[in-house]
Amino acid sequence: MLPANRIRTTATAAVTAIALAATAASPAQALGKNERNFLKGAAVATLIGALYLNAQKSRAAETQRSYTTAPQPVYQPRYQPTGEIYSRPITYSPTTQPSVSGTPAARAFNSYTLSERRQIQARLQQWGYYNGGIDGTFGPQTYRAISAYAADARATEDLNTVGGSYDLYEQLIG
């Protein structure tokens, strides 16, 4: 639906065009066919010009409007647990792997020199057990590699003790 001021402007332009055509029609009887066609064209051009100017004004008015964003909703939990069982908030954390730095395999590995630790990792990488960087630090990848090596050597129980871990590392260095 058009706004009231736009309807009013369009109606005014149409009435003006009709009035121009009517005033030109009476002397137009004396004019030739080309002159009458010229007057019709002028009336149509006037009408189109008025409609174009009206459209320009309405576009300019639209761009000046200010828009505000709707306020963002604030979500509140529906159920608020109370009582001793729910006295502290329940937090969920992603499942984490237990730290491998405290294992006997890590303690034995870290007792070697940096060059020996790198040699162990390089040998594990050479044999296809280790994919990480040769940095001499004992992390999850080194632990997985030594565990896989121990499984293939049927010595997984050796990783449960520092002495057994030494035996595995000596096999890799020697």
Protein backbone atom coordinates (compact mmCIF):
# COMPACT_ATOMS: atom_id res chain seq x y z
CA MET A 1 0.00 0.00 0.00
CA LEU A 2 1.30 3.44 -0.93
CA PRO A 3 1.75 6.15 1.71
CA ALA A 4 -0.77 9.03 1.65
CA ASN A 5 1.75 11.67 0.54
CA ARG A 6 2.88 9.48 -2.37
CA ILE A 7 -0.73 8.95 -3.53
CA ARG A 8 -1.37 12.68 -3.28
CA THR A 9 1.75 13.54 -5.33
CA THR A 10 0.95 10.95 -7.99
CA ALA A 11 -2.63 12.21 -8.26
CA THR A 12 -1.40 15.81 -8.59
CA ALA A 13 0.98 14.81 -11.37
CA ALA A 14 -1.78 12.95 -13.21
CA VAL A 15 -4.22 15.87 -12.94
CA THR A 16 -1.51 18.25 -14.18
CA ALA A 17 -0.80 16.04 -17.18
CA ILE A 18 -4.50 15.81 -18.03
CA ALA A 19 -4.89 19.57 -17.70
CA LEU A 20 -1.95 20.14 -20.03
CA ALA A 21 -3.40 17.75 -22.52
CA ALA A 22 -6.85 19.36 -22.31
CA THR A 23 -5.53 22.90 -22.78
CA ALA A 24 -3.45 21.78 -25.70
CA ALA A 25 -6.36 19.87 -27.21
CA SER A 26 -8.52 22.87 -28.12
CA PRO A 27 -5.93 24.65 -30.29
CA ALA A 28 -4.67 21.26 -31.34
CA GLN A 29 -7.70 20.86 -33.60
CA ALA A 30 -6.12 23.45 -35.80
CA LEU A 31 -2.73 21.81 -35.64
CA GLY A 32 -1.48 19.03 -37.81
CA LYS A 33 -0.91 15.42 -36.85
CA ASN A 34 2.78 15.95 -35.96
CA GLU A 35 2.04 18.86 -33.64
CA ARG A 36 -0.65 16.89 -31.82
CA ASN A 37 1.73 13.95 -31.36
CA PHE A 38 4.34 16.36 -30.01
CA LEU A 39 1.88 17.73 -27.45
CA LYS A 40 0.90 14.19 -26.38
CA GLY A 41 4.56 13.29 -25.96
CA ALA A 42 5.19 16.43 -23.91
CA ALA A 43 2.26 15.58 -21.61
CA VAL A 44 3.52 12.02 -21.11
CA ALA A 45 7.07 13.26 -20.48
CA THR A 46 5.74 15.68 -17.85
CA LEU A 47 3.81 12.88 -16.14
CA ILE A 48 6.80 10.53 -16.17
CA GLY A 49 9.08 13.28 -14.88
CA ALA A 50 6.73 13.96 -11.96
CA LEU A 51 6.58 10.26 -11.11
CA TYR A 52 10.39 9.99 -11.31
CA LEU A 53 10.93 12.96 -8.99
CA ASN A 54 8.41 11.51 -6.56
CA ALA A 55 10.25 8.19 -6.54
CA GLN A 56 13.57 9.97 -5.92
CA LYS A 57 12.12 11.81 -2.92
CA SER A 58 10.70 8.63 -1.40
CA ARG A 59 14.07 6.82 -1.82
CA ALA A 60 15.86 9.69 -0.13
CA ALA A 61 13.38 9.57 2.75
CA GLU A 62 13.90 5.78 3.11
CA THR A 63 17.67 6.12 3.40
CA GLN A 64 17.28 8.68 6.19
CA ARG A 65 15.27 6.32 8.37
CA SER A 66 17.13 4.95 11.32
CA TYR A 67 16.82 1.33 12.29
CA THR A 68 17.48 -0.07 15.71
CA THR A 69 18.28 -3.66 16.46
CA ALA A 70 16.01 -5.66 18.66
CA PRO A 71 17.38 -6.34 22.13
CA GLN A 72 19.07 -9.71 22.46
CA PRO A 73 17.27 -12.19 24.68
CA VAL A 74 18.87 -13.28 27.91
CA TYR A 75 18.40 -16.95 28.54
CA GLN A 76 17.83 -18.17 32.04
CA PRO A 77 17.83 -21.84 32.96
CA ARG A 78 14.34 -23.20 33.53
CA TYR A 79 15.32 -25.41 36.42
CA GLN A 80 17.39 -24.07 39.27
CA PRO A 81 18.43 -27.05 41.39
CA THR A 82 18.49 -26.42 45.09
CA GLY A 83 19.57 -28.44 48.07
CA GLU A 84 22.76 -29.92 49.32
CA ILE A 85 23.38 -32.13 46.31
CA TYR A 86 23.27 -29.17 43.91
CA SER A 87 25.01 -26.61 46.12
CA ARG A 88 27.82 -26.01 43.62
CA PRO A 89 27.47 -25.63 39.86
CA ILE A 90 27.91 -28.70 37.73
CA THR A 91 30.72 -28.20 35.23
CA TYR A 92 31.43 -30.40 32.28
CA SER A 93 34.89 -30.68 30.80
CA PRO A 94 36.04 -32.65 27.81
CA THR A 95 37.56 -36.01 28.54
CA THR A 96 41.25 -35.60 29.08
CA GLN A 97 43.97 -38.15 28.87
CA PRO A 98 45.83 -38.79 32.11
CA SER A 99 49.23 -37.16 32.16
CA VAL A 100 52.01 -39.37 30.84
CA SER A 101 54.74 -37.34 32.50
CA GLY A 102 54.42 -39.25 35.79
CA THR A 103 54.67 -42.75 34.34
CA PRO A 104 57.71 -44.98 34.95
CA ALA A 105 58.41 -44.82 31.21
CA ALA A 106 58.60 -41.01 31.39
CA ARG A 107 60.85 -41.04 34.46
CA ALA A 108 63.24 -43.45 32.78
CA PHE A 109 63.17 -41.51 29.49
CA ASN A 110 63.90 -38.18 31.20
CA SER A 111 66.93 -39.62 33.00
CA TYR A 112 68.77 -39.94 29.67
CA THR A 113 70.75 -37.08 28.12
CA LEU A 114 69.11 -34.91 25.47
CA SER A 115 71.05 -36.57 22.65
CA GLU A 116 70.08 -40.06 23.92
CA ARG A 117 66.40 -39.04 24.18
CA ARG A 118 66.52 -37.74 20.61
CA GLN A 119 68.19 -40.97 19.52
CA ILE A 120 65.35 -42.98 21.12
CA GLN A 121 62.73 -40.88 19.33
CA ALA A 122 64.62 -41.10 16.03
CA ARG A 123 64.81 -44.90 16.30
CA LEU A 124 61.08 -45.11 17.10
CA GLN A 125 60.39 -42.88 14.11
CA GLN A 126 62.68 -44.93 11.88
CA TRP A 127 60.80 -48.09 12.80
CA GLY A 128 57.41 -46.44 12.20
CA TYR A 129 56.22 -46.02 15.76
CA TYR A 130 56.74 -42.27 16.22
CA ASN A 131 55.35 -39.42 14.07
CA GLY A 132 56.26 -36.37 16.18
CA GLY A 133 59.22 -34.05 16.16
CA ILE A 134 62.61 -35.27 17.37
CA ASP A 135 62.81 -32.86 20.31
CA GLY A 136 63.85 -35.11 23.18
CA THR A 137 60.74 -34.41 25.27
CA PHE A 138 58.46 -37.10 26.59
CA GLY A 139 54.89 -36.37 25.56
CA PRO A 140 51.80 -38.30 24.48
CA GLN A 141 53.25 -39.18 21.07
CA THR A 142 56.44 -40.56 22.57
CA TYR A 143 54.38 -42.51 25.12
CA ARG A 144 52.17 -43.99 22.38
CA ALA A 145 55.25 -44.89 20.34
CA ILE A 146 57.07 -46.64 23.19
CA SER A 147 53.84 -48.41 24.18
CA ALA A 148 53.36 -49.69 20.62
CA TYR A 149 57.00 -50.79 20.49
CA ALA A 150 56.62 -52.60 23.82
CA ALA A 151 53.44 -54.31 22.62
CA ASP A 152 55.20 -55.57 19.49
CA ALA A 153 58.16 -56.71 21.63
CA ARG A 154 55.69 -58.40 24.01
CA ALA A 155 57.08 -56.32 26.85
CA THR A 156 54.12 -54.14 27.86
CA GLU A 157 54.60 -55.10 31.50
CA ASP A 158 58.10 -53.61 31.37
CA LEU A 159 56.60 -50.11 31.01
CA ASN A 160 55.06 -50.42 34.48
CA THR A 161 58.49 -50.18 36.13
CA VAL A 162 61.41 -47.82 35.67
CA GLY A 163 63.79 -50.76 35.33
CA GLY A 164 61.70 -52.38 32.62
CA SER A 165 61.50 -49.05 30.77
CA TYR A 166 65.30 -48.76 30.91
CA ASP A 167 65.57 -52.18 29.26
CA LEU A 168 63.32 -51.06 26.40
CA TYR A 169 65.22 -47.81 25.88
CA GLU A 170 68.57 -49.61 25.93
CA GLN A 171 67.31 -51.85 23.11
CA LEU A 172 66.49 -48.73 21.08
CA ILE A 173 69.81 -46.97 21.76
CA GLY A 174 72.08 -50.03 21.52
